[in-house]
N, C-alpha and C. Protein backbone atom coordinates (compact mmCIF):
# COMPACT_ATOMS: atom_id res chain seq x y z
N SER A 1 230.61 59.96 105.43
CA SER A 1 232.18 60.15 105.85
C SER A 1 232.76 58.81 105.05
N ALA A 2 233.81 59.03 104.68
CA ALA A 2 234.58 58.24 103.83
C ALA A 2 234.16 56.92 104.27
N PRO A 3 234.32 56.43 105.48
CA PRO A 3 234.27 54.72 105.63
C PRO A 3 233.41 54.11 105.68
N MET A 4 231.83 55.16 105.84
CA MET A 4 230.55 54.41 105.30
C MET A 4 230.75 54.65 103.77
N LEU A 5 231.09 55.21 103.19
CA LEU A 5 231.33 54.63 101.63
C LEU A 5 232.15 53.62 101.34
N GLU A 6 233.00 53.32 101.97
CA GLU A 6 233.86 51.84 101.56
C GLU A 6 232.58 50.79 102.40
N HIS A 7 232.71 50.88 103.28
CA HIS A 7 231.52 49.89 103.64
C HIS A 7 230.46 49.51 102.84
N ALA A 8 229.64 50.85 102.13
CA ALA A 8 228.36 50.53 101.14
C ALA A 8 229.11 50.09 99.89
N GLU A 9 230.34 50.15 99.39
CA GLU A 9 230.97 50.10 98.30
C GLU A 9 231.03 48.44 98.48
N GLN A 10 231.54 47.62 99.81
CA GLN A 10 231.74 46.40 100.18
C GLN A 10 230.31 45.68 100.20
N LYS A 11 229.34 46.46 100.12
CA LYS A 11 227.90 45.71 100.31
C LYS A 11 227.37 45.74 98.88
N ARG A 12 227.97 46.66 98.15
CA ARG A 12 226.97 46.35 96.71
C ARG A 12 226.94 44.77 96.23
N PRO A 13 225.76 44.60 95.54
CA PRO A 13 225.37 43.40 95.10
C PRO A 13 226.46 42.84 93.93
N ARG A 14 227.12 41.61 94.50
CA ARG A 14 228.65 41.17 93.48
C ARG A 14 228.04 40.76 92.17
N ARG A 15 226.51 39.98 91.95
CA ARG A 15 225.79 39.60 91.01
C ARG A 15 225.73 40.67 89.88
N HIS A 16 226.03 40.72 88.63
CA HIS A 16 225.45 41.62 88.17
C HIS A 16 224.22 41.78 87.40
N SER A 17 223.60 42.98 87.79
CA SER A 17 222.32 43.66 87.64
C SER A 17 222.14 44.83 87.19
N PRO A 18 221.34 44.76 86.71
CA PRO A 18 220.97 46.54 86.13
C PRO A 18 220.98 47.59 86.72
N HIS A 19 220.41 47.09 88.26
CA HIS A 19 220.39 48.10 89.28
C HIS A 19 221.52 48.59 90.19
N SER A 20 222.29 47.26 90.30
CA SER A 20 223.68 47.45 90.71
C SER A 20 224.64 48.41 90.12
N ALA A 21 224.37 48.65 89.10
CA ALA A 21 225.43 49.09 88.33
C ALA A 21 224.91 50.93 88.12
N ALA A 22 223.78 50.82 88.28
CA ALA A 22 223.38 52.18 88.31
C ALA A 22 223.27 53.14 89.88
N ILE A 23 224.06 52.52 90.82
CA ILE A 23 224.21 52.93 92.08
C ILE A 23 225.29 53.67 92.20
N GLU A 24 225.27 54.81 92.64
CA GLU A 24 226.83 55.73 92.68
C GLU A 24 226.63 56.33 94.08
N PHE A 25 227.78 55.85 94.69
CA PHE A 25 227.55 56.55 95.95
C PHE A 25 228.99 57.64 95.98
N ARG A 26 228.43 58.70 96.80
CA ARG A 26 229.08 59.87 96.67
C ARG A 26 229.14 60.68 98.24
N ARG A 27 230.29 61.52 98.09
CA ARG A 27 230.27 62.00 99.62
C ARG A 27 230.00 63.29 99.13
N GLY A 28 229.07 64.07 100.21
CA GLY A 28 228.86 65.37 99.51
C GLY A 28 228.04 66.12 100.99
N ASP A 29 227.68 67.46 100.51
CA ASP A 29 226.83 68.57 101.34
C ASP A 29 225.18 67.81 101.23
N ALA A 30 224.45 67.21 101.84
CA ALA A 30 223.38 66.83 101.69
C ALA A 30 222.03 68.42 101.40
N THR A 31 222.86 69.42 101.75
CA THR A 31 222.21 70.44 102.07
C THR A 31 222.38 71.14 100.57
N ALA A 32 223.42 71.18 99.78
CA ALA A 32 223.70 71.60 98.43
C ALA A 32 224.60 70.70 97.58
N THR A 33 223.90 69.98 96.74
CA THR A 33 224.68 69.12 96.10
C THR A 33 224.73 69.34 94.58
N ASP A 34 226.06 68.52 93.68
CA ASP A 34 226.42 69.33 92.28
C ASP A 34 225.39 68.42 91.72
N LEU A 35 224.33 68.37 92.15
CA LEU A 35 223.27 67.70 91.00
C LEU A 35 222.21 68.28 90.31
N PRO A 36 222.39 68.39 89.69
CA PRO A 36 221.15 68.52 88.27
C PRO A 36 219.93 68.79 89.21
N THR A 37 219.19 69.74 88.86
CA THR A 37 217.79 69.63 89.36
C THR A 37 216.73 68.95 88.21
N GLY A 38 215.96 68.17 88.95
CA GLY A 38 215.06 67.39 88.30
C GLY A 38 215.79 66.02 87.96
N ILE A 39 216.62 65.70 88.76
CA ILE A 39 217.32 63.71 87.83
C ILE A 39 216.78 63.01 88.99
N ALA A 40 216.11 63.05 89.85
CA ALA A 40 215.71 61.93 90.45
C ALA A 40 214.62 61.45 90.62
N ASP A 41 214.22 59.69 90.09
CA ASP A 41 213.05 59.34 90.32
C ASP A 41 212.76 59.27 92.16
N ALA A 42 213.51 59.01 92.72
CA ALA A 42 213.49 58.80 94.10
C ALA A 42 214.70 59.07 94.71
N VAL A 43 214.25 60.02 95.88
CA VAL A 43 215.42 60.38 96.76
C VAL A 43 215.39 59.86 98.17
N THR A 44 216.11 59.43 98.93
CA THR A 44 216.59 58.46 100.30
C THR A 44 217.28 59.15 101.18
N VAL A 45 216.94 58.82 102.36
CA VAL A 45 217.84 59.10 103.72
C VAL A 45 217.41 58.71 104.43
N ALA A 46 218.55 57.72 105.52
CA ALA A 46 218.00 56.70 106.56
C ALA A 46 218.61 57.49 107.76
N PHE A 47 218.38 57.85 109.07
CA PHE A 47 219.27 58.37 110.05
C PHE A 47 219.72 59.65 109.54
N GLY A 48 219.67 60.43 108.94
CA GLY A 48 220.83 61.42 108.29
C GLY A 48 220.18 62.67 108.49
N ILE A 49 219.01 62.97 108.37
CA ILE A 49 218.25 64.33 108.24
C ILE A 49 218.90 64.79 110.12
N ARG A 50 218.82 64.07 110.97
CA ARG A 50 219.36 64.68 112.18
C ARG A 50 220.51 64.96 112.10
N ASN A 51 221.53 64.81 111.59
CA ASN A 51 222.86 65.19 111.30
C ASN A 51 223.17 66.20 110.45
N THR A 52 222.39 66.37 110.12
CA THR A 52 222.87 68.07 108.90
C THR A 52 222.69 68.97 110.28
N ASP A 53 223.36 70.23 109.60
CA ASP A 53 223.00 71.39 110.35
C ASP A 53 221.96 72.07 110.10
N SER A 54 220.96 71.61 109.19
CA SER A 54 219.59 72.15 108.54
C SER A 54 218.68 71.22 108.00
N PRO A 55 218.01 70.58 108.66
CA PRO A 55 217.35 69.85 108.29
C PRO A 55 216.09 70.08 107.32
N LEU A 56 215.97 71.48 107.49
CA LEU A 56 214.95 71.98 106.50
C LEU A 56 215.62 72.12 105.21
N ALA A 57 216.89 72.74 104.93
CA ALA A 57 217.71 72.74 104.10
C ALA A 57 218.03 71.60 103.10
N CYS A 58 218.23 70.23 103.92
CA CYS A 58 218.06 68.94 103.31
C CYS A 58 217.10 68.39 102.57
N LEU A 59 215.80 68.66 103.38
CA LEU A 59 214.51 68.38 102.69
C LEU A 59 214.34 69.17 101.29
N GLN A 60 214.68 70.67 101.40
CA GLN A 60 214.42 71.36 99.85
C GLN A 60 215.21 71.16 99.18
N GLU A 61 216.58 70.65 99.82
CA GLU A 61 217.72 69.61 97.88
C GLU A 61 216.87 68.52 97.88
N MET A 62 216.12 67.82 98.89
CA MET A 62 215.52 66.58 98.14
C MET A 62 214.65 67.00 97.28
N ARG A 63 213.92 67.67 97.56
CA ARG A 63 212.54 68.33 96.20
C ARG A 63 213.34 68.36 95.05
N ARG A 64 214.08 69.42 95.48
CA ARG A 64 215.02 70.16 94.00
C ARG A 64 215.48 68.82 93.02
N LEU A 65 216.01 67.96 93.96
CA LEU A 65 216.66 66.91 92.90
C LEU A 65 215.37 65.83 92.10
N LEU A 66 214.36 66.00 92.54
CA LEU A 66 213.14 64.93 92.50
C LEU A 66 212.16 65.54 91.05
N LYS A 67 212.19 64.36 90.26
CA LYS A 67 211.53 64.90 88.97
C LYS A 67 210.29 64.99 89.42
N PRO A 68 209.21 65.45 88.59
CA PRO A 68 207.80 65.54 88.98
C PRO A 68 206.91 64.34 89.18
N GLY A 69 206.61 64.10 89.92
CA GLY A 69 206.23 62.96 90.28
C GLY A 69 206.84 62.08 91.57
N GLY A 70 208.38 62.46 91.23
CA GLY A 70 209.19 61.55 91.98
C GLY A 70 208.78 61.55 93.60
N GLN A 71 209.11 60.70 94.00
CA GLN A 71 209.42 60.54 95.72
C GLN A 71 210.75 60.70 96.35
N ALA A 72 210.40 61.35 97.70
CA ALA A 72 211.27 61.25 98.70
C ALA A 72 210.58 60.43 99.80
N ILE A 73 211.95 60.02 100.62
CA ILE A 73 211.32 58.73 101.22
C ILE A 73 212.57 59.29 102.10
N VAL A 74 211.95 59.46 104.01
CA VAL A 74 213.04 59.88 105.35
C VAL A 74 212.57 58.57 105.94
N LEU A 75 213.49 58.26 106.69
CA LEU A 75 213.39 57.03 107.72
C LEU A 75 214.21 57.71 109.18
N GLU A 76 212.91 58.33 109.83
CA GLU A 76 213.88 58.84 110.97
C GLU A 76 213.56 57.95 112.36
N PHE A 77 213.86 58.19 113.54
CA PHE A 77 213.27 57.67 114.68
C PHE A 77 213.61 59.27 115.72
N GLY A 78 212.29 59.09 116.64
CA GLY A 78 212.91 59.80 117.47
C GLY A 78 212.17 59.61 118.86
N GLN A 79 212.57 60.41 119.93
CA GLN A 79 211.69 60.17 121.68
C GLN A 79 210.65 60.63 121.28
N ALA A 80 209.65 60.26 121.97
CA ALA A 80 208.16 61.40 122.15
C ALA A 80 208.46 62.12 123.41
N THR A 81 208.24 63.46 123.35
CA THR A 81 208.47 64.53 124.48
C THR A 81 207.11 64.49 125.40
N THR A 82 205.83 64.10 125.17
CA THR A 82 204.84 63.98 125.70
C THR A 82 204.68 62.45 125.98
N PRO A 83 203.91 61.87 127.39
CA PRO A 83 203.68 60.42 127.41
C PRO A 83 202.25 60.46 126.43
N VAL A 84 201.87 59.25 126.12
CA VAL A 84 200.51 58.85 125.11
C VAL A 84 199.81 58.43 125.99
């Protein structure tokens, strides 16, 4: 969402670093980005897969974006449906 992107921009590190300059915030469809195939060393999502219409399509898009040997990192929490 636009408000989340504005918040992210405000949290961007203030000091000059090569990593800060490489960060690009974009708004788009997580299941079908306009990015080229095999562009990323890593693709991450935190608490976002659950908010897509198709979690599987989101994971497939993350895979498409990764370079060979790249890493997909997903942070999600859920409720157990059976007692342990």
